Amino acid sequence: MTDPLSPDVIEPQGQSFAPRPKKRDVHGWVVLDKPVGMTSTHAVAVVKRAFSAKKAGHAGTLDPLASGLLPIALGEATKTVPFVMDGRKAYQFTVSWGSQTDTDDTEGKVIATSDDRPEATAIAALLPRFTGTISQVPPKFSAIKIAGERAYDLAREGEEVVLEPRPVEIDSLRIVSHDGATTTFEAECGKGTYVRAIARDLGLALGCLGHVAHLRRTRVGPFDITDAASVEILRESPESAAAALLPVMAALSLIPDMAVNRDAAMRLKRGQSVLLRGRDAPVESQVMYATSGGVLIAIGAIAQGEFVPHRVFNL
């Protein structure tokens, strides 16, 4: 006899609950146009929920203050995240002159002020010092780990945070507009570059102090802001979300590819290398990805005339 108090037969009074959608395997990239105020972790949750996806992760944190491009990998695409994170990045950002904050942006506490405001010519004259390979001290409020702890966690607890300078690459830095109180820039840079540190160091070099007032990321690796979809589009309908899903291979467009036959594909899927033949065989140590019938099979490198798989895909 069924127990009348069994959870299987108890029904809620006056309310009904929609069943939670079943998690499913979804593979590909969503290039999200993240709005200001949303954390990167929350953004991943929004995308994951839109697709009812089992697995998701982002390719590079974007601060809540910042808007713009946040690439989010679903399923097997998470295996290609390093190829996006290691790519070049582009930003448009506005520096507010006259004050320095402890976070180097508007969310922090003002720690110093200046009545001076820079001329556009003075700023332009300094920009060559901030391009190429330069030494940069990351902001104290950053995700860099110190003895296993995030720098921003230590800083929030009031501890003294000392970060060592490190080399970063800034490909270009140019002025977009200048009104005296603020200057808007466009920057292209490599992995590990902090735009907030550029603003801080420009302000110190000019003697007027400065911090980031607005920040928008417009490119990450192979992805451009024109590829991006808004949160509203993802939430509109399953069809609009599906239209925003890019293939796993979209992350690999900046590295060469090679087509292999079915037998070679089966070897690669087992983690075995494939012998390359012919005068047009790729050069040693070259990182490539292999496809068969238009389907991504593996990412690997050339070694001793063979393609050696490093990551194998189940698509």
Protein backbone atom coordinates (compact mmCIF):
# COMPACT_ATOMS: atom_id res chain seq x y z
CA MET A 1 0.00 0.00 0.00
CA THR A 2 1.30 3.45 -0.90
CA ASP A 3 2.21 5.68 2.03
CA PRO A 4 -0.13 8.73 1.82
CA LEU A 5 2.73 10.91 3.11
CA SER A 6 5.18 9.74 0.45
CA PRO A 7 6.78 12.63 -1.51
CA ASP A 8 5.54 10.88 -4.64
CA VAL A 9 1.91 11.54 -3.81
CA ILE A 10 2.05 14.87 -1.96
CA GLU A 11 0.88 17.72 -4.20
CA PRO A 12 1.52 21.41 -3.45
CA GLN A 13 -1.61 23.35 -2.60
CA GLY A 14 -2.49 26.24 -4.90
CA GLN A 15 0.73 26.27 -6.91
CA SER A 16 2.44 24.32 -9.64
CA PHE A 17 6.08 24.00 -10.52
CA ALA A 18 7.41 23.75 -14.07
CA PRO A 19 9.89 20.89 -14.40
CA ARG A 20 13.48 22.05 -14.65
CA PRO A 21 14.81 21.56 -18.18
CA LYS A 22 17.08 18.56 -18.52
CA LYS A 23 20.74 19.41 -19.02
CA ARG A 24 22.04 18.47 -22.44
CA ASP A 25 25.26 18.26 -24.41
CA VAL A 26 25.78 21.51 -26.31
CA HIS A 27 29.03 22.23 -28.13
CA GLY A 28 30.13 25.59 -29.47
CA TRP A 29 30.90 29.19 -28.64
CA VAL A 30 28.65 32.05 -27.59
CA VAL A 31 30.28 35.46 -27.91
CA LEU A 32 28.37 37.44 -25.31
CA ASP A 33 28.10 41.23 -25.28
CA LYS A 34 28.29 41.42 -21.49
CA PRO A 35 26.48 44.40 -19.95
CA VAL A 36 27.95 46.63 -17.25
CA GLY A 37 27.25 45.33 -13.74
CA MET A 38 27.28 41.63 -14.58
CA THR A 39 30.11 39.41 -13.35
CA SER A 40 31.75 36.94 -15.71
CA THR A 41 30.53 34.06 -13.52
CA HIS A 42 26.93 35.30 -13.78
CA ALA A 43 27.34 35.67 -17.55
CA VAL A 44 28.39 32.03 -17.86
CA ALA A 45 25.32 31.02 -15.82
CA VAL A 46 23.04 33.03 -18.14
CA VAL A 47 24.44 31.32 -21.25
CA LYS A 48 24.40 27.90 -19.64
CA ARG A 49 20.76 28.37 -18.67
CA ALA A 50 19.77 29.61 -22.14
CA PHE A 51 21.00 26.35 -23.68
CA SER A 52 20.34 24.03 -20.72
CA ALA A 53 23.99 23.10 -21.25
CA LYS A 54 25.86 20.64 -19.06
CA LYS A 55 29.22 22.36 -19.29
CA ALA A 56 30.37 25.96 -19.87
CA GLY A 57 33.28 28.28 -19.15
CA HIS A 58 34.54 31.71 -20.23
CA ALA A 59 37.76 32.69 -22.00
CA GLY A 60 39.06 35.54 -19.87
CA THR A 61 37.40 37.43 -17.03
CA LEU A 62 35.74 40.78 -17.77
CA ASP A 63 35.24 43.03 -14.74
CA PRO A 64 31.66 43.95 -13.73
CA LEU A 65 32.45 47.59 -14.54
CA ALA A 66 33.36 46.63 -18.12
CA SER A 67 31.05 45.79 -21.00
CA GLY A 68 31.68 44.01 -24.26
CA LEU A 69 33.00 40.80 -25.59
CA LEU A 70 33.06 37.76 -23.29
CA PRO A 71 33.55 34.49 -25.22
CA ILE A 72 31.82 31.56 -23.49
CA ALA A 73 32.59 27.97 -24.42
CA LEU A 74 30.01 25.19 -24.20
CA GLY A 75 30.75 21.47 -24.04
CA GLU A 76 33.68 20.35 -26.20
CA ALA A 77 34.48 23.98 -27.00
CA THR A 78 35.97 24.30 -23.50
CA LYS A 79 38.96 22.35 -24.86
CA THR A 80 39.73 25.30 -27.16
CA VAL A 81 39.61 28.03 -24.47
CA PRO A 82 43.44 28.48 -24.32
CA PHE A 83 43.52 29.40 -28.03
CA VAL A 84 41.10 32.25 -27.35
CA MET A 85 42.65 33.43 -24.08
CA ASP A 86 46.13 33.57 -25.61
CA GLY A 87 44.91 35.74 -28.50
CA ARG A 88 45.24 39.50 -28.85
CA LYS A 89 42.61 41.71 -27.26
CA ALA A 90 41.17 45.12 -28.15
CA TYR A 91 39.54 47.66 -25.84
CA GLN A 92 37.97 51.09 -25.94
CA PHE A 93 38.27 52.89 -22.61
CA THR A 94 37.81 56.33 -21.10
CA VAL A 95 40.18 57.77 -18.52
CA SER A 96 38.89 60.37 -16.06
CA TRP A 97 41.71 62.74 -15.09
CA GLY A 98 42.34 64.38 -11.73
CA SER A 99 42.05 61.46 -9.30
CA GLN A 100 43.56 58.07 -8.58
CA THR A 101 41.58 55.27 -6.92
CA ASP A 102 42.72 52.15 -5.09
CA THR A 103 41.09 49.96 -7.76
CA ASP A 104 42.20 52.17 -10.70
CA ASP A 105 38.55 52.51 -11.78
CA THR A 106 35.37 54.23 -10.59
CA GLU A 107 34.46 51.45 -8.15
CA GLY A 108 37.36 52.24 -5.83
CA LYS A 109 38.13 54.77 -3.14
CA VAL A 110 39.89 57.98 -4.19
CA ILE A 111 43.41 57.94 -2.75
CA ALA A 112 44.90 61.04 -4.42
CA THR A 113 43.70 64.04 -6.42
CA SER A 114 45.15 66.69 -8.73
CA ASP A 115 43.84 69.99 -10.12
CA ASP A 116 45.87 69.55 -13.31
CA ARG A 117 44.30 68.36 -16.56
CA PRO A 118 46.36 67.18 -19.52
CA GLU A 119 46.45 68.59 -23.03
CA ALA A 120 45.83 66.14 -25.87
CA THR A 121 49.31 66.90 -27.26
CA ALA A 122 50.94 65.97 -23.94
CA ILE A 123 49.04 62.68 -23.85
CA ALA A 124 49.92 61.86 -27.46
CA ALA A 125 53.60 62.54 -26.78
CA LEU A 126 53.58 59.92 -24.00
CA LEU A 127 51.87 57.11 -25.90
CA PRO A 128 55.06 55.67 -27.48
CA ARG A 129 56.24 54.89 -23.92
CA PHE A 130 53.14 52.74 -23.50
CA THR A 131 53.42 50.68 -26.69
CA GLY A 132 55.53 47.66 -27.52
CA THR A 133 56.82 45.42 -24.74
CA ILE A 134 56.60 47.39 -21.50
CA SER A 135 56.90 46.67 -17.78
CA GLN A 136 53.55 46.91 -15.98
CA VAL A 137 52.55 46.48 -12.33
CA PRO A 138 49.07 44.91 -12.22
CA PRO A 139 46.34 46.64 -10.17
CA LYS A 140 46.12 45.60 -6.52
CA PHE A 141 42.51 44.65 -7.16
CA SER A 142 43.21 41.91 -9.70
CA ALA A 143 42.80 38.15 -9.96
CA ILE A 144 46.54 37.48 -9.69
CA LYS A 145 47.37 34.99 -6.93
CA ILE A 146 49.71 35.77 -4.04
CA ALA A 147 50.59 32.71 -1.95
CA GLY A 148 47.44 31.02 -3.24
CA GLU A 149 45.13 33.97 -2.53
CA ARG A 150 43.60 36.35 -5.09
CA ALA A 151 45.08 39.83 -4.86
CA TYR A 152 41.62 41.43 -4.80
CA ASP A 153 40.57 39.28 -1.83
CA LEU A 154 43.64 40.37 0.12
CA ALA A 155 43.12 44.02 -0.84
CA ARG A 156 39.47 43.93 0.25
CA GLU A 157 40.54 42.56 3.63
CA GLY A 158 42.83 45.57 4.07
CA GLU A 159 46.09 43.68 3.64
CA GLU A 160 49.03 45.32 1.92
CA VAL A 161 49.28 43.95 -1.64
CA VAL A 162 52.61 44.16 -3.43
CA LEU A 163 52.68 42.93 -7.01
CA GLU A 164 55.85 42.67 -9.07
CA PRO A 165 56.10 44.36 -12.48
CA ARG A 166 55.89 42.04 -15.45
CA PRO A 167 56.35 42.42 -19.20
CA VAL A 168 53.21 42.92 -21.28
CA GLU A 169 52.73 43.68 -24.96
CA ILE A 170 50.70 46.66 -26.16
CA ASP A 171 50.44 46.62 -29.94
CA SER A 172 48.77 49.99 -30.30
CA LEU A 173 47.35 52.78 -28.14
CA ARG A 174 45.65 55.79 -29.69
CA ILE A 175 43.42 58.69 -28.68
CA VAL A 176 39.82 58.55 -29.93
CA SER A 177 38.57 61.76 -28.27
CA HIS A 178 39.62 64.27 -25.63
CA ASP A 179 37.58 66.90 -23.78
CA GLY A 180 40.03 67.98 -21.10
CA ALA A 181 38.43 66.18 -18.18
CA THR A 182 38.44 62.78 -19.90
CA THR A 183 40.18 61.03 -22.79
CA THR A 184 38.92 57.99 -24.69
CA PHE A 185 41.47 55.55 -26.07
CA GLU A 186 41.59 52.41 -28.20
CA ALA A 187 44.15 49.77 -27.31
CA GLU A 188 45.26 46.45 -28.78
CA CYS A 189 47.29 44.27 -26.47
CA GLY A 190 48.41 40.79 -25.51
CA LYS A 191 47.47 38.44 -22.71
CA GLY A 192 47.91 39.73 -19.16
CA THR A 193 47.71 43.44 -19.97
CA TYR A 194 45.60 45.52 -17.58
CA VAL A 195 43.87 48.55 -19.09
CA ARG A 196 43.34 49.93 -15.58
CA ALA A 197 47.11 49.92 -15.10
CA ILE A 198 47.56 51.83 -18.38
CA ALA A 199 45.17 54.53 -17.11
CA ARG A 200 46.90 54.68 -13.72
CA ASP A 201 50.40 54.91 -15.20
CA LEU A 202 49.40 57.50 -17.82
CA GLY A 203 47.97 59.68 -15.07
CA LEU A 204 51.11 59.35 -12.97
CA ALA A 205 53.38 60.09 -15.94
CA LEU A 206 51.33 63.16 -16.85
CA GLY A 207 51.27 64.33 -13.23
CA CYS A 208 47.49 64.72 -13.23
CA LEU A 209 46.45 61.23 -12.03
CA GLY A 210 43.70 59.17 -13.67
CA HIS A 211 41.47 56.13 -13.49
CA VAL A 212 39.23 54.16 -15.86
CA ALA A 213 35.69 55.53 -16.06
CA HIS A 214 34.38 53.33 -18.87
CA LEU A 215 35.78 50.14 -20.41
CA ARG A 216 34.53 48.06 -23.34
CA ARG A 217 36.26 45.01 -24.80
CA THR A 218 35.82 44.74 -28.56
CA ARG A 219 37.96 41.76 -29.53
CA VAL A 220 39.38 38.58 -28.02
CA GLY A 221 41.51 36.34 -30.22
CA PRO A 222 39.46 35.33 -33.28
CA PHE A 223 36.23 36.89 -31.96
CA ASP A 224 35.09 40.42 -32.75
CA ILE A 225 32.31 42.48 -31.18
CA THR A 226 30.34 42.06 -34.43
CA ASP A 227 30.04 38.35 -33.51
CA ALA A 228 28.49 39.17 -30.14
CA ALA A 229 24.95 38.47 -28.94
CA SER A 230 23.17 40.31 -26.13
CA VAL A 231 21.69 38.75 -23.00
CA GLU A 232 18.24 39.77 -24.28
CA ILE A 233 18.72 37.77 -27.50
CA LEU A 234 19.74 34.67 -25.57
CA ARG A 235 16.68 34.97 -23.32
CA GLU A 236 14.24 35.79 -26.13
CA SER A 237 13.67 32.22 -27.34
CA PRO A 238 15.48 28.91 -27.88
CA GLU A 239 15.66 29.75 -31.58
CA SER A 240 17.35 33.12 -31.05
CA ALA A 241 19.81 31.52 -28.64
CA ALA A 242 20.61 28.74 -31.12
CA ALA A 243 21.29 31.35 -33.81
CA ALA A 244 24.00 32.85 -31.57
CA LEU A 245 25.87 29.54 -31.18
CA LEU A 246 29.11 29.43 -33.17
CA PRO A 247 30.90 26.14 -34.03
CA VAL A 248 33.72 24.83 -31.85
CA MET A 249 36.17 25.47 -34.72
CA ALA A 250 35.41 29.21 -34.58
CA ALA A 251 38.00 29.47 -31.80
CA LEU A 252 40.70 28.00 -34.05
CA SER A 253 40.42 30.27 -37.08
CA LEU A 254 43.84 31.83 -36.41
CA ILE A 255 45.75 28.52 -36.59
CA PRO A 256 46.18 26.27 -39.67
CA ASP A 257 44.08 23.19 -40.26
CA MET A 258 44.49 19.94 -42.14
CA ALA A 259 41.99 17.42 -43.46
CA VAL A 260 42.52 13.73 -42.72
CA ASN A 261 40.78 10.63 -44.00
CA ARG A 262 38.52 8.41 -41.92
CA ASP A 263 41.26 5.94 -40.93
CA ALA A 264 43.53 8.74 -39.75
CA ALA A 265 40.63 10.30 -37.86
CA MET A 266 40.04 7.05 -36.00
CA ARG A 267 43.71 6.89 -35.02
CA LEU A 268 43.62 10.46 -33.74
CA LYS A 269 40.48 9.80 -31.71
CA ARG A 270 42.38 6.98 -29.98
CA GLY A 271 45.16 9.44 -29.15
CA GLN A 272 47.55 7.96 -31.74
CA SER A 273 49.72 10.06 -34.07
CA VAL A 274 49.32 10.16 -37.86
CA LEU A 275 52.21 10.06 -40.32
CA LEU A 276 52.29 12.99 -42.76
CA ARG A 277 53.54 12.51 -46.31
CA GLY A 278 54.43 14.70 -49.27
CA ARG A 279 56.40 17.85 -49.96
CA ASP A 280 53.57 20.04 -48.65
CA ALA A 281 53.55 18.43 -45.21
CA PRO A 282 53.41 21.03 -42.38
CA VAL A 283 56.62 22.14 -40.69
CA GLU A 284 57.90 20.73 -37.40
CA SER A 285 56.40 22.02 -34.12
CA GLN A 286 53.54 23.77 -35.92
CA VAL A 287 50.28 23.77 -33.93
CA MET A 288 47.34 22.70 -36.10
CA TYR A 289 43.92 21.17 -35.91
CA ALA A 290 42.64 18.21 -37.88
CA THR A 291 39.21 17.71 -39.41
CA SER A 292 37.54 14.84 -41.21
CA GLY A 293 34.47 15.41 -43.32
CA GLY A 294 34.29 18.95 -41.94
CA VAL A 295 34.16 17.72 -38.31
CA LEU A 296 36.82 18.75 -35.79
CA ILE A 297 38.83 15.72 -34.68
CA ALA A 298 41.88 16.93 -32.76
CA ILE A 299 44.29 19.75 -31.98
CA GLY A 300 47.95 18.85 -32.01
CA ALA A 301 51.44 19.64 -33.26
CA ILE A 302 53.82 18.34 -35.88
CA ALA A 303 56.75 16.31 -34.54
CA GLN A 304 59.15 14.14 -36.55
CA GLY A 305 56.87 14.12 -39.58
CA GLU A 306 53.79 13.10 -37.61
CA PHE A 307 50.70 14.93 -36.37
CA VAL A 308 50.57 14.28 -32.63
CA PRO A 309 47.14 14.94 -31.04
CA HIS A 310 47.08 16.96 -27.82
CA ARG A 311 43.32 17.37 -27.44
CA VAL A 312 40.77 15.01 -29.00
CA PHE A 313 37.13 16.00 -29.61
CA ASN A 314 33.94 13.96 -29.40
CA LEU A 315 31.65 15.73 -31.86
